[in-house]
Amino acid sequence: VPAYLPPKLLELCILLHSKVKEPHVMLDIGSDWL
């Protein structure tokens, strides 16, 4: 469940997919967590 992700892991996943120009992959997952 994405809402259970530790903050550090979510942070790393957002930064990674931003770096590789694929931010849309984190759209729903980040929204669910927040």
PDB file of all heavy atoms in Angstrom:
ATOM      1  N   VAL A   1       0.852  -1.192   0.000  1.00  0.00           N
ATOM      2  CA  VAL A   1       0.000   0.000   0.000  1.00  0.00           C
ATOM      3  C   VAL A   1       0.886   1.239   0.000  1.00  0.00           C
ATOM      4  O   VAL A   1       1.694   1.421   0.913  1.00  0.00           O
ATOM      5  CB  VAL A   1      -0.921   0.017   1.237  1.00  0.00           C
ATOM      6  CG1 VAL A   1      -1.813   1.248   1.220  1.00  0.00           C
ATOM      7  CG2 VAL A   1      -1.755  -1.263   1.282  1.00  0.00           C
ATOM      8  N   PRO A   2       0.787   2.098  -1.011  1.00  0.00           N
ATOM      9  CA  PRO A   2       1.657   3.281  -1.081  1.00  0.00           C
ATOM     10  C   PRO A   2       1.577   4.176   0.140  1.00  0.00           C
ATOM     11  O   PRO A   2       2.560   4.818   0.509  1.00  0.00           O
ATOM     12  CB  PRO A   2       1.153   4.009  -2.333  1.00  0.00           C
ATOM     13  CG  PRO A   2       0.566   2.939  -3.175  1.00  0.00           C
ATOM     14  CD  PRO A   2      -0.040   1.964  -2.222  1.00  0.00           C
ATOM     15  N   ALA A   3       0.415   4.237   0.783  1.00  0.00           N
ATOM     16  CA  ALA A   3       0.271   5.089   1.964  1.00  0.00           C
ATOM     17  C   ALA A   3       1.165   4.634   3.111  1.00  0.00           C
ATOM     18  O   ALA A   3       1.442   5.410   4.032  1.00  0.00           O
ATOM     19  CB  ALA A   3      -1.186   5.109   2.420  1.00  0.00           C
ATOM     20  N   TYR A   4       1.623   3.368   3.061  1.00  0.00           N
ATOM     21  CA  TYR A   4       2.477   2.841   4.124  1.00  0.00           C
ATOM     22  C   TYR A   4       3.960   3.066   3.843  1.00  0.00           C
ATOM     23  O   TYR A   4       4.804   2.692   4.669  1.00  0.00           O
ATOM     24  CB  TYR A   4       2.238   1.340   4.317  1.00  0.00           C
ATOM     25  CG  TYR A   4       0.845   0.987   4.790  1.00  0.00           C
ATOM     26  CD1 TYR A   4       0.339  -0.303   4.638  1.00  0.00           C
ATOM     27  CD2 TYR A   4       0.021   1.951   5.385  1.00  0.00           C
ATOM     28  CE1 TYR A   4      -0.938  -0.623   5.071  1.00  0.00           C
ATOM     29  CE2 TYR A   4      -1.259   1.636   5.808  1.00  0.00           C
ATOM     30  CZ  TYR A   4      -1.732   0.350   5.649  1.00  0.00           C
ATOM     31  OH  TYR A   4      -3.005   0.034   6.078  1.00  0.00           O
ATOM     32  N   LEU A   5       4.294   3.633   2.712  1.00  0.00           N
ATOM     33  CA  LEU A   5       5.702   3.862   2.391  1.00  0.00           C
ATOM     34  C   LEU A   5       6.338   4.803   3.413  1.00  0.00           C
ATOM     35  O   LEU A   5       5.752   5.835   3.765  1.00  0.00           O
ATOM     36  CB  LEU A   5       5.843   4.484   1.008  1.00  0.00           C
ATOM     37  CG  LEU A   5       5.653   3.590  -0.209  1.00  0.00           C
ATOM     38  CD1 LEU A   5       5.701   4.421  -1.481  1.00  0.00           C
ATOM     39  CD2 LEU A   5       6.724   2.503  -0.257  1.00  0.00           C
ATOM     40  N   PRO A   6       7.520   4.490   3.916  1.00  0.00           N
ATOM     41  CA  PRO A   6       8.229   5.459   4.757  1.00  0.00           C
ATOM     42  C   PRO A   6       8.533   6.725   3.955  1.00  0.00           C
ATOM     43  O   PRO A   6       8.759   6.657   2.741  1.00  0.00           O
ATOM     44  CB  PRO A   6       9.525   4.722   5.133  1.00  0.00           C
ATOM     45  CG  PRO A   6       9.218   3.274   4.932  1.00  0.00           C
ATOM     46  CD  PRO A   6       8.257   3.221   3.788  1.00  0.00           C
ATOM     47  N   PRO A   7       8.531   7.877   4.606  1.00  0.00           N
ATOM     48  CA  PRO A   7       8.781   9.129   3.884  1.00  0.00           C
ATOM     49  C   PRO A   7      10.071   9.117   3.056  1.00  0.00           C
ATOM     50  O   PRO A   7      10.102   9.650   1.952  1.00  0.00           O
ATOM     51  CB  PRO A   7       8.841  10.172   5.004  1.00  0.00           C
ATOM     52  CG  PRO A   7       8.013   9.588   6.100  1.00  0.00           C
ATOM     53  CD  PRO A   7       8.220   8.107   6.032  1.00  0.00           C
ATOM     54  N   LYS A   8      11.112   8.496   3.592  1.00  0.00           N
ATOM     55  CA  LYS A   8      12.393   8.481   2.871  1.00  0.00           C
ATOM     56  C   LYS A   8      12.271   7.748   1.544  1.00  0.00           C
ATOM     57  O   LYS A   8      12.836   8.185   0.529  1.00  0.00           O
ATOM     58  CB  LYS A   8      13.471   7.818   3.743  1.00  0.00           C
ATOM     59  CG  LYS A   8      14.860   7.846   3.130  1.00  0.00           C
ATOM     60  CD  LYS A   8      15.349   9.270   2.934  1.00  0.00           C
ATOM     61  CE  LYS A   8      16.773   9.305   2.393  1.00  0.00           C
ATOM     62  NZ  LYS A   8      17.232  10.700   2.165  1.00  0.00           N
ATOM     63  N   LEU A   9      11.537   6.644   1.527  1.00  0.00           N
ATOM     64  CA  LEU A   9      11.393   5.884   0.286  1.00  0.00           C
ATOM     65  C   LEU A   9      10.577   6.654  -0.746  1.00  0.00           C
ATOM     66  O   LEU A   9      10.896   6.651  -1.933  1.00  0.00           O
ATOM     67  CB  LEU A   9      10.757   4.524   0.568  1.00  0.00           C
ATOM     68  CG  LEU A   9      11.570   3.551   1.425  1.00  0.00           C
ATOM     69  CD1 LEU A   9      10.884   2.199   1.485  1.00  0.00           C
ATOM     70  CD2 LEU A   9      12.989   3.403   0.890  1.00  0.00           C
ATOM     71  N   LEU A  10       9.509   7.307  -0.293  1.00  0.00           N
ATOM     72  CA  LEU A  10       8.718   8.114  -1.220  1.00  0.00           C
ATOM     73  C   LEU A  10       9.551   9.244  -1.785  1.00  0.00           C
ATOM     74  O   LEU A  10       9.492   9.541  -2.988  1.00  0.00           O
ATOM     75  CB  LEU A  10       7.485   8.672  -0.507  1.00  0.00           C
ATOM     76  CG  LEU A  10       6.551   9.506  -1.390  1.00  0.00           C
ATOM     77  CD1 LEU A  10       5.936   8.657  -2.493  1.00  0.00           C
ATOM     78  CD2 LEU A  10       5.456  10.159  -0.550  1.00  0.00           C
ATOM     79  N   GLU A  11      10.352   9.868  -0.938  1.00  0.00           N
ATOM     80  CA  GLU A  11      11.227  10.951  -1.394  1.00  0.00           C
ATOM     81  C   GLU A  11      12.184  10.461  -2.485  1.00  0.00           C
ATOM     82  O   GLU A  11      12.343  11.105  -3.534  1.00  0.00           O
ATOM     83  CB  GLU A  11      12.020  11.492  -0.203  1.00  0.00           C
ATOM     84  CG  GLU A  11      13.048  12.548  -0.570  1.00  0.00           C
ATOM     85  CD  GLU A  11      13.905  12.955   0.610  1.00  0.00           C
ATOM     86  OE1 GLU A  11      13.556  12.600   1.757  1.00  0.00           O
ATOM     87  OE2 GLU A  11      14.922  13.633   0.393  1.00  0.00           O
ATOM     88  N   LEU A  12      12.811   9.315  -2.256  1.00  0.00           N
ATOM     89  CA  LEU A  12      13.758   8.777  -3.233  1.00  0.00           C
ATOM     90  C   LEU A  12      13.074   8.424  -4.547  1.00  0.00           C
ATOM     91  O   LEU A  12      13.614   8.665  -5.625  1.00  0.00           O
ATOM     92  CB  LEU A  12      14.469   7.555  -2.658  1.00  0.00           C
ATOM     93  CG  LEU A  12      15.373   7.799  -1.457  1.00  0.00           C
ATOM     94  CD1 LEU A  12      16.021   6.509  -1.001  1.00  0.00           C
ATOM     95  CD2 LEU A  12      16.445   8.829  -1.784  1.00  0.00           C
ATOM     96  N   CYS A  13      11.880   7.836  -4.460  1.00  0.00           N
ATOM     97  CA  CYS A  13      11.162   7.461  -5.678  1.00  0.00           C
ATOM     98  C   CYS A  13      10.757   8.700  -6.487  1.00  0.00           C
ATOM     99  O   CYS A  13      10.839   8.706  -7.720  1.00  0.00           O
ATOM    100  CB  CYS A  13       9.926   6.635  -5.324  1.00  0.00           C
ATOM    101  SG  CYS A  13      10.297   4.960  -4.749  1.00  0.00           S
ATOM    102  N   ILE A  14      10.329   9.759  -5.803  1.00  0.00           N
ATOM    103  CA  ILE A  14       9.965  10.993  -6.505  1.00  0.00           C
ATOM    104  C   ILE A  14      11.188  11.586  -7.188  1.00  0.00           C
ATOM    105  O   ILE A  14      11.136  11.970  -8.369  1.00  0.00           O
ATOM    106  CB  ILE A  14       9.347  12.004  -5.523  1.00  0.00           C
ATOM    107  CG1 ILE A  14       7.958  11.537  -5.085  1.00  0.00           C
ATOM    108  CG2 ILE A  14       9.242  13.387  -6.170  1.00  0.00           C
ATOM    109  CD1 ILE A  14       7.308  12.421  -4.029  1.00  0.00           C
ATOM    110  N   LEU A  15      12.312  11.659  -6.474  1.00  0.00           N
ATOM    111  CA  LEU A  15      13.526  12.244  -7.041  1.00  0.00           C
ATOM    112  C   LEU A  15      14.035  11.415  -8.218  1.00  0.00           C
ATOM    113  O   LEU A  15      14.484  11.965  -9.228  1.00  0.00           O
ATOM    114  CB  LEU A  15      14.605  12.352  -5.961  1.00  0.00           C
ATOM    115  CG  LEU A  15      14.352  13.387  -4.862  1.00  0.00           C
ATOM    116  CD1 LEU A  15      15.428  13.300  -3.790  1.00  0.00           C
ATOM    117  CD2 LEU A  15      14.288  14.791  -5.447  1.00  0.00           C
ATOM    118  N   LEU A  16      13.968  10.098  -8.083  1.00  0.00           N
ATOM    119  CA  LEU A  16      14.443   9.227  -9.161  1.00  0.00           C
ATOM    120  C   LEU A  16      13.631   9.426 -10.434  1.00  0.00           C
ATOM    121  O   LEU A  16      14.182   9.634 -11.516  1.00  0.00           O
ATOM    122  CB  LEU A  16      14.377   7.766  -8.711  1.00  0.00           C
ATOM    123  CG  LEU A  16      14.615   6.724  -9.809  1.00  0.00           C
ATOM    124  CD1 LEU A  16      16.030   6.844 -10.354  1.00  0.00           C
ATOM    125  CD2 LEU A  16      14.376   5.319  -9.293  1.00  0.00           C
ATOM    126  N   HIS A  17      12.297   9.367 -10.320  1.00  0.00           N
ATOM    127  CA  HIS A  17      11.457   9.469 -11.512  1.00  0.00           C
ATOM    128  C   HIS A  17      11.452  10.884 -12.074  1.00  0.00           C
ATOM    129  O   HIS A  17      11.203  11.076 -13.270  1.00  0.00           O
ATOM    130  CB  HIS A  17      10.038   8.984 -11.201  1.00  0.00           C
ATOM    131  CG  HIS A  17       9.959   7.499 -11.024  1.00  0.00           C
ATOM    132  ND1 HIS A  17      10.180   6.888  -9.819  1.00  0.00           N
ATOM    133  CD2 HIS A  17       9.715   6.505 -11.923  1.00  0.00           C
ATOM    134  CE1 HIS A  17      10.069   5.577  -9.967  1.00  0.00           C
ATOM    135  NE2 HIS A  17       9.781   5.319 -11.222  1.00  0.00           N
ATOM    136  N   SER A  18      11.751  11.860 -11.248  1.00  0.00           N
ATOM    137  CA  SER A  18      11.944  13.213 -11.765  1.00  0.00           C
ATOM    138  C   SER A  18      13.237  13.301 -12.559  1.00  0.00           C
ATOM    139  O   SER A  18      13.286  13.930 -13.618  1.00  0.00           O
ATOM    140  CB  SER A  18      11.963  14.213 -10.604  1.00  0.00           C
ATOM    141  OG  SER A  18      12.309  15.511 -11.047  1.00  0.00           O
ATOM    142  N   LYS A  19      14.276  12.644 -12.057  1.00  0.00           N
ATOM    143  CA  LYS A  19      15.574  12.671 -12.721  1.00  0.00           C
ATOM    144  C   LYS A  19      15.526  12.016 -14.096  1.00  0.00           C
ATOM    145  O   LYS A  19      16.175  12.479 -15.038  1.00  0.00           O
ATOM    146  CB  LYS A  19      16.608  11.957 -11.840  1.00  0.00           C
ATOM    147  CG  LYS A  19      18.042  12.138 -12.297  1.00  0.00           C
ATOM    148  CD  LYS A  19      18.514  13.554 -12.070  1.00  0.00           C
ATOM    149  CE  LYS A  19      19.950  13.735 -12.513  1.00  0.00           C
ATOM    150  NZ  LYS A  19      20.398  15.141 -12.353  1.00  0.00           N
ATOM    151  N   VAL A  20      14.743  10.962 -14.240  1.00  0.00           N
ATOM    152  CA  VAL A  20      14.673  10.242 -15.512  1.00  0.00           C
ATOM    153  C   VAL A  20      13.504  10.718 -16.382  1.00  0.00           C
ATOM    154  O   VAL A  20      13.130  10.069 -17.344  1.00  0.00           O
ATOM    155  CB  VAL A  20      14.583   8.715 -15.287  1.00  0.00           C
ATOM    156  CG1 VAL A  20      15.823   8.209 -14.585  1.00  0.00           C
ATOM    157  CG2 VAL A  20      13.331   8.348 -14.491  1.00  0.00           C
ATOM    158  N   LYS A  21      12.907  11.862 -15.999  1.00  0.00           N
ATOM    159  CA  LYS A  21      11.837  12.491 -16.792  1.00  0.00           C
ATOM    160  C   LYS A  21      10.591  11.621 -16.913  1.00  0.00           C
ATOM    161  O   LYS A  21       9.935  11.578 -17.942  1.00  0.00           O
ATOM    162  CB  LYS A  21      12.353  12.844 -18.201  1.00  0.00           C
ATOM    163  CG  LYS A  21      13.652  13.619 -18.233  1.00  0.00           C
ATOM    164  CD  LYS A  21      13.528  14.973 -17.562  1.00  0.00           C
ATOM    165  CE  LYS A  21      14.832  15.771 -17.687  1.00  0.00           C
ATOM    166  NZ  LYS A  21      14.768  17.048 -16.934  1.00  0.00           N
ATOM    167  N   GLU A  22      10.257  10.913 -15.837  1.00  0.00           N
ATOM    168  CA  GLU A  22       9.038  10.104 -15.809  1.00  0.00           C
ATOM    169  C   GLU A  22       8.213  10.428 -14.555  1.00  0.00           C
ATOM    170  O   GLU A  22       7.845   9.536 -13.780  1.00  0.00           O
ATOM    171  CB  GLU A  22       9.389   8.606 -15.827  1.00  0.00           C
ATOM    172  CG  GLU A  22      10.095   8.129 -17.086  1.00  0.00           C
ATOM    173  CD  GLU A  22       9.165   8.035 -18.279  1.00  0.00           C
ATOM    174  OE1 GLU A  22       7.936   8.102 -18.095  1.00  0.00           O
ATOM    175  OE2 GLU A  22       9.673   7.893 -19.400  1.00  0.00           O
ATOM    176  N   PRO A  23       7.899  11.710 -14.317  1.00  0.00           N
ATOM    177  CA  PRO A  23       7.200  12.064 -13.074  1.00  0.00           C
ATOM    178  C   PRO A  23       5.785  11.513 -12.990  1.00  0.00           C
ATOM    179  O   PRO A  23       5.250  11.347 -11.886  1.00  0.00           O
ATOM    180  CB  PRO A  23       7.193  13.595 -13.105  1.00  0.00           C
ATOM    181  CG  PRO A  23       7.263  13.949 -14.557  1.00  0.00           C
ATOM    182  CD  PRO A  23       8.142  12.893 -15.180  1.00  0.00           C
ATOM    183  N   HIS A  24       5.158  11.245 -14.139  1.00  0.00           N
ATOM    184  CA  HIS A  24       3.773  10.771 -14.118  1.00  0.00           C
ATOM    185  C   HIS A  24       3.632   9.432 -13.409  1.00  0.00           C
ATOM    186  O   HIS A  24       2.554   9.100 -12.914  1.00  0.00           O
ATOM    187  CB  HIS A  24       3.246  10.659 -15.544  1.00  0.00           C
ATOM    188  CG  HIS A  24       3.988   9.663 -16.370  1.00  0.00           C
ATOM    189  ND1 HIS A  24       5.234   9.921 -16.914  1.00  0.00           N
ATOM    190  CD2 HIS A  24       3.692   8.394 -16.743  1.00  0.00           C
ATOM    191  CE1 HIS A  24       5.653   8.865 -17.587  1.00  0.00           C
ATOM    192  NE2 HIS A  24       4.737   7.928 -17.495  1.00  0.00           N
ATOM    193  N   VAL A  25       4.715   8.651 -13.342  1.00  0.00           N
ATOM    194  CA  VAL A  25       4.664   7.356 -12.662  1.00  0.00           C
ATOM    195  C   VAL A  25       4.350   7.545 -11.181  1.00  0.00           C
ATOM    196  O   VAL A  25       3.701   6.697 -10.561  1.00  0.00           O
ATOM    197  CB  VAL A  25       5.998   6.608 -12.845  1.00  0.00           C
ATOM    198  CG1 VAL A  25       6.023   5.323 -12.043  1.00  0.00           C
ATOM    199  CG2 VAL A  25       6.234   6.307 -14.325  1.00  0.00           C
ATOM    200  N   MET A  26       4.774   8.683 -10.614  1.00  0.00           N
ATOM    201  CA  MET A  26       4.574   8.936  -9.191  1.00  0.00           C
ATOM    202  C   MET A  26       3.306   9.732  -8.895  1.00  0.00           C
ATOM    203  O   MET A  26       3.034  10.043  -7.736  1.00  0.00           O
ATOM    204  CB  MET A  26       5.782   9.695  -8.629  1.00  0.00           C
ATOM    205  CG  MET A  26       7.074   8.897  -8.629  1.00  0.00           C
ATOM    206  SD  MET A  26       6.946   7.363  -7.676  1.00  0.00           S
ATOM    207  CE  MET A  26       6.514   7.979  -6.053  1.00  0.00           C
ATOM    208  N   LEU A  27       2.522  10.063  -9.910  1.00  0.00           N
ATOM    209  CA  LEU A  27       1.380  10.952  -9.720  1.00  0.00           C
ATOM    210  C   LEU A  27       0.362  10.366  -8.739  1.00  0.00           C
ATOM    211  O   LEU A  27       0.016  10.994  -7.724  1.00  0.00           O
ATOM    212  CB  LEU A  27       0.721  11.244 -11.068  1.00  0.00           C
ATOM    213  CG  LEU A  27      -0.455  12.216 -11.046  1.00  0.00           C
ATOM    214  CD1 LEU A  27      -0.035  13.573 -10.522  1.00  0.00           C
ATOM    215  CD2 LEU A  27      -1.060  12.347 -12.440  1.00  0.00           C
ATOM    216  N   ASP A  28      -0.145   9.193  -9.016  1.00  0.00           N
ATOM    217  CA  ASP A  28      -1.165   8.587  -8.156  1.00  0.00           C
ATOM    218  C   ASP A  28      -0.584   8.118  -6.835  1.00  0.00           C
ATOM    219  O   ASP A  28      -1.221   8.258  -5.781  1.00  0.00           O
ATOM    220  CB  ASP A  28      -1.821   7.402  -8.869  1.00  0.00           C
ATOM    221  CG  ASP A  28      -2.783   7.851  -9.953  1.00  0.00           C
ATOM    222  OD1 ASP A  28      -3.216   9.015  -9.906  1.00  0.00           O
ATOM    223  OD2 ASP A  28      -3.087   7.044 -10.851  1.00  0.00           O
ATOM    224  N   ILE A  29       0.623   7.564  -6.877  1.00  0.00           N
ATOM    225  CA  ILE A  29       1.227   7.029  -5.659  1.00  0.00           C
ATOM    226  C   ILE A  29       1.538   8.147  -4.677  1.00  0.00           C
ATOM    227  O   ILE A  29       1.246   8.052  -3.479  1.00  0.00           O
ATOM    228  CB  ILE A  29       2.488   6.222  -6.010  1.00  0.00           C
ATOM    229  CG1 ILE A  29       2.076   4.956  -6.774  1.00  0.00           C
ATOM    230  CG2 ILE A  29       3.279   5.858  -4.759  1.00  0.00           C
ATOM    231  CD1 ILE A  29       3.211   4.151  -7.302  1.00  0.00           C
ATOM    232  N   GLY A  30       2.119   9.236  -5.178  1.00  0.00           N
ATOM    233  CA  GLY A  30       2.387  10.372  -4.310  1.00  0.00           C
ATOM    234  C   GLY A  30       1.119  10.981  -3.759  1.00  0.00           C
ATOM    235  O   GLY A  30       1.037  11.361  -2.581  1.00  0.00           O
ATOM    236  N   SER A  31       0.092  11.070  -4.598  1.00  0.00           N
ATOM    237  CA  SER A  31      -1.183  11.634  -4.163  1.00  0.00           C
ATOM    238  C   SER A  31      -1.825  10.773  -3.079  1.00  0.00           C
ATOM    239  O   SER A  31      -2.356  11.291  -2.084  1.00  0.00           O
ATOM    240  CB  SER A  31      -2.133  11.765  -5.364  1.00  0.00           C
ATOM    241  OG  SER A  31      -3.380  12.281  -4.972  1.00  0.00           O
ATOM    242  N   ASP A  32      -1.790   9.461  -3.252  1.00  0.00           N
ATOM    243  CA  ASP A  32      -2.351   8.557  -2.247  1.00  0.00           C
ATOM    244  C   ASP A  32      -1.642   8.729  -0.907  1.00  0.00           C
ATOM    245  O   ASP A  32      -2.276   8.761   0.155  1.00  0.00           O
ATOM    246  CB  ASP A  32      -2.222   7.103  -2.708  1.00  0.00           C
ATOM    247  CG  ASP A  32      -3.231   6.751  -3.774  1.00  0.00           C
ATOM    248  OD1 ASP A  32      -4.104   7.585  -4.072  1.00  0.00           O
ATOM    249  OD2 ASP A  32      -3.144   5.641  -4.337  1.00  0.00           O
ATOM    250  N   TRP A  33      -0.317   8.826  -0.960  1.00  0.00           N
ATOM    251  CA  TRP A  33       0.462   8.965   0.279  1.00  0.00           C
ATOM    252  C   TRP A  33       0.119  10.274   0.979  1.00  0.00           C
ATOM    253  O   TRP A  33      -0.086  10.309   2.197  1.00  0.00           O
ATOM    254  CB  TRP A  33       1.951   8.910  -0.039  1.00  0.00           C
ATOM    255  CG  TRP A  33       2.821   8.715   1.166  1.00  0.00           C
ATOM    256  CD1 TRP A  33       3.313   7.544   1.641  1.00  0.00           C
ATOM    257  CD2 TRP A  33       3.299   9.739   2.067  1.00  0.00           C
ATOM    258  NE1 TRP A  33       4.067   7.759   2.770  1.00  0.00           N
ATOM    259  CE2 TRP A  33       4.078   9.099   3.052  1.00  0.00           C
ATOM    260  CE3 TRP A  33       3.150  11.119   2.122  1.00  0.00           C
ATOM    261  CZ2 TRP A  33       4.705   9.796   4.083  1.00  0.00           C
ATOM    262  CZ3 TRP A  33       3.763  11.821   3.156  1.00  0.00           C
ATOM    263  CH2 TRP A  33       4.526  11.163   4.125  1.00  0.00           C
ATOM    264  N   LEU A  34       0.042  11.357   0.228  1.00  0.00           N
ATOM    265  CA  LEU A  34      -0.206  12.667   0.816  1.00  0.00           C
ATOM    266  C   LEU A  34      -1.624  12.806   1.356  1.00  0.00           C
ATOM    267  O   LEU A  34      -1.863  13.580   2.290  1.00  0.00           O
ATOM    268  CB  LEU A  34       0.064  13.769  -0.210  1.00  0.00           C
ATOM    269  CG  LEU A  34       1.539  13.921  -0.633  1.00  0.00           C
ATOM    270  CD1 LEU A  34       1.662  14.894  -1.792  1.00  0.00           C
ATOM    271  CD2 LEU A  34       2.384  14.395   0.544  1.00  0.00           C
TER     272      LEU A  34
END
